[in-house]
Amino acid sequence: MYEAIDNLNVSHLPKDISVPALILHSEGDLVVPFIKTQFMAARVREARFVTLISTNYLMINYEYA
């Protein structure tokens, strides 16, 4: 799975997003590197990037965002 994510290139897509976007990412995510999400969020015109305090890829129902 990690190899597939590392080889995935969607860097050309953010320029096509023309609506406000809320981008959430867990700071300790071990699946998708935090810096990759920051990179993508910086390229979406109307993005708001929010850091979640978690080490999980998906938020668990008892975690606070």
C-alpha atoms as a PDB file:
ATOM      1  CA  MET A   1       0.000   0.000   0.000  1.00  0.00           C
ATOM      2  CA  TYR A   2       2.777   2.430   0.899  1.00  0.00           C
ATOM      3  CA  GLU A   3       4.450   1.918  -2.466  1.00  0.00           C
ATOM      4  CA  ALA A   4       1.197   2.687  -4.301  1.00  0.00           C
ATOM      5  CA  ILE A   5       0.772   5.918  -2.326  1.00  0.00           C
ATOM      6  CA  ASP A   6       4.389   6.921  -2.909  1.00  0.00           C
ATOM      7  CA  ASN A   7       3.962   6.441  -6.663  1.00  0.00           C
ATOM      8  CA  LEU A   8       0.633   8.272  -6.900  1.00  0.00           C
ATOM      9  CA  ASN A   9       0.966  11.699  -8.508  1.00  0.00           C
ATOM     10  CA  VAL A  10      -2.066  13.983  -8.339  1.00  0.00           C
ATOM     11  CA  SER A  11      -0.134  17.260  -8.154  1.00  0.00           C
ATOM     12  CA  HIS A  12      -1.816  18.484 -11.352  1.00  0.00           C
ATOM     13  CA  LEU A  13      -5.351  18.246  -9.900  1.00  0.00           C
ATOM     14  CA  PRO A  14      -5.578  21.128  -7.361  1.00  0.00           C
ATOM     15  CA  LYS A  15      -5.663  23.801 -10.060  1.00  0.00           C
ATOM     16  CA  ASP A  16      -8.967  22.284 -11.239  1.00  0.00           C
ATOM     17  CA  ILE A  17     -10.667  22.718  -7.855  1.00  0.00           C
ATOM     18  CA  SER A  18     -12.674  25.934  -7.985  1.00  0.00           C
ATOM     19  CA  VAL A  19     -14.788  25.668  -4.840  1.00  0.00           C
ATOM     20  CA  PRO A  20     -13.865  26.218  -1.192  1.00  0.00           C
ATOM     21  CA  ALA A  21     -12.188  23.125   0.247  1.00  0.00           C
ATOM     22  CA  LEU A  22     -11.655  22.013   3.810  1.00  0.00           C
ATOM     23  CA  ILE A  23      -8.596  19.776   3.978  1.00  0.00           C
ATOM     24  CA  LEU A  24      -8.031  17.828   7.195  1.00  0.00           C
ATOM     25  CA  HIS A  25      -4.935  15.824   8.014  1.00  0.00           C
ATOM     26  CA  SER A  26      -3.697  14.051  11.140  1.00  0.00           C
ATOM     27  CA  GLU A  27      -0.248  15.251  12.132  1.00  0.00           C
ATOM     28  CA  GLY A  28       0.910  11.751  12.986  1.00  0.00           C
ATOM     29  CA  ASP A  29      -0.607   9.973   9.975  1.00  0.00           C
ATOM     30  CA  LEU A  30       1.653   7.040   9.087  1.00  0.00           C
ATOM     31  CA  VAL A  31      -0.037   6.341   5.728  1.00  0.00           C
ATOM     32  CA  VAL A  32       0.096   9.715   3.948  1.00  0.00           C
ATOM     33  CA  PRO A  33       2.953  12.046   4.897  1.00  0.00           C
ATOM     34  CA  PHE A  34       1.754  15.289   6.463  1.00  0.00           C
ATOM     35  CA  ILE A  35       3.965  17.391   4.187  1.00  0.00           C
ATOM     36  CA  LYS A  36       2.328  15.924   1.055  1.00  0.00           C
ATOM     37  CA  THR A  37      -1.096  17.095   2.193  1.00  0.00           C
ATOM     38  CA  GLN A  38       0.271  20.551   3.035  1.00  0.00           C
ATOM     39  CA  PHE A  39       1.810  20.701  -0.442  1.00  0.00           C
ATOM     40  CA  MET A  40      -1.519  19.868  -2.087  1.00  0.00           C
ATOM     41  CA  ALA A  41      -3.530  22.234   0.132  1.00  0.00           C
ATOM     42  CA  ALA A  42      -1.229  25.116  -0.782  1.00  0.00           C
ATOM     43  CA  ARG A  43      -2.177  24.612  -4.426  1.00  0.00           C
ATOM     44  CA  VAL A  44      -5.956  24.674  -3.979  1.00  0.00           C
ATOM     45  CA  ARG A  45      -7.124  28.269  -4.407  1.00  0.00           C
ATOM     46  CA  GLU A  46      -9.750  28.351  -1.661  1.00  0.00           C
ATOM     47  CA  ALA A  47      -8.404  25.716   0.713  1.00  0.00           C
ATOM     48  CA  ARG A  48      -8.468  25.817   4.474  1.00  0.00           C
ATOM     49  CA  PHE A  49      -5.974  23.365   5.930  1.00  0.00           C
ATOM     50  CA  VAL A  50      -6.670  22.017   9.417  1.00  0.00           C
ATOM     51  CA  THR A  51      -4.233  19.895  11.389  1.00  0.00           C
ATOM     52  CA  LEU A  52      -5.794  17.141  13.478  1.00  0.00           C
ATOM     53  CA  ILE A  53      -4.029  15.939  16.612  1.00  0.00           C
ATOM     54  CA  SER A  54      -3.890  12.211  16.002  1.00  0.00           C
ATOM     55  CA  THR A  55      -1.562   9.439  14.913  1.00  0.00           C
ATOM     56  CA  ASN A  56      -4.286   7.704  12.935  1.00  0.00           C
ATOM     57  CA  TYR A  57      -5.007   7.809   9.219  1.00  0.00           C
ATOM     58  CA  LEU A  58      -8.736   7.915  10.007  1.00  0.00           C
ATOM     59  CA  MET A  59     -10.162   9.657  13.048  1.00  0.00           C
ATOM     60  CA  ILE A  60     -11.552   7.370  15.725  1.00  0.00           C
ATOM     61  CA  ASN A  61     -14.926   8.359  17.213  1.00  0.00           C
ATOM     62  CA  TYR A  62     -13.452   9.027  20.667  1.00  0.00           C
ATOM     63  CA  GLU A  63     -10.679  11.338  19.395  1.00  0.00           C
ATOM     64  CA  TYR A  64     -11.134  15.083  19.560  1.00  0.00           C
ATOM     65  CA  ALA A  65     -10.381  17.047  16.432  1.00  0.00           C
END
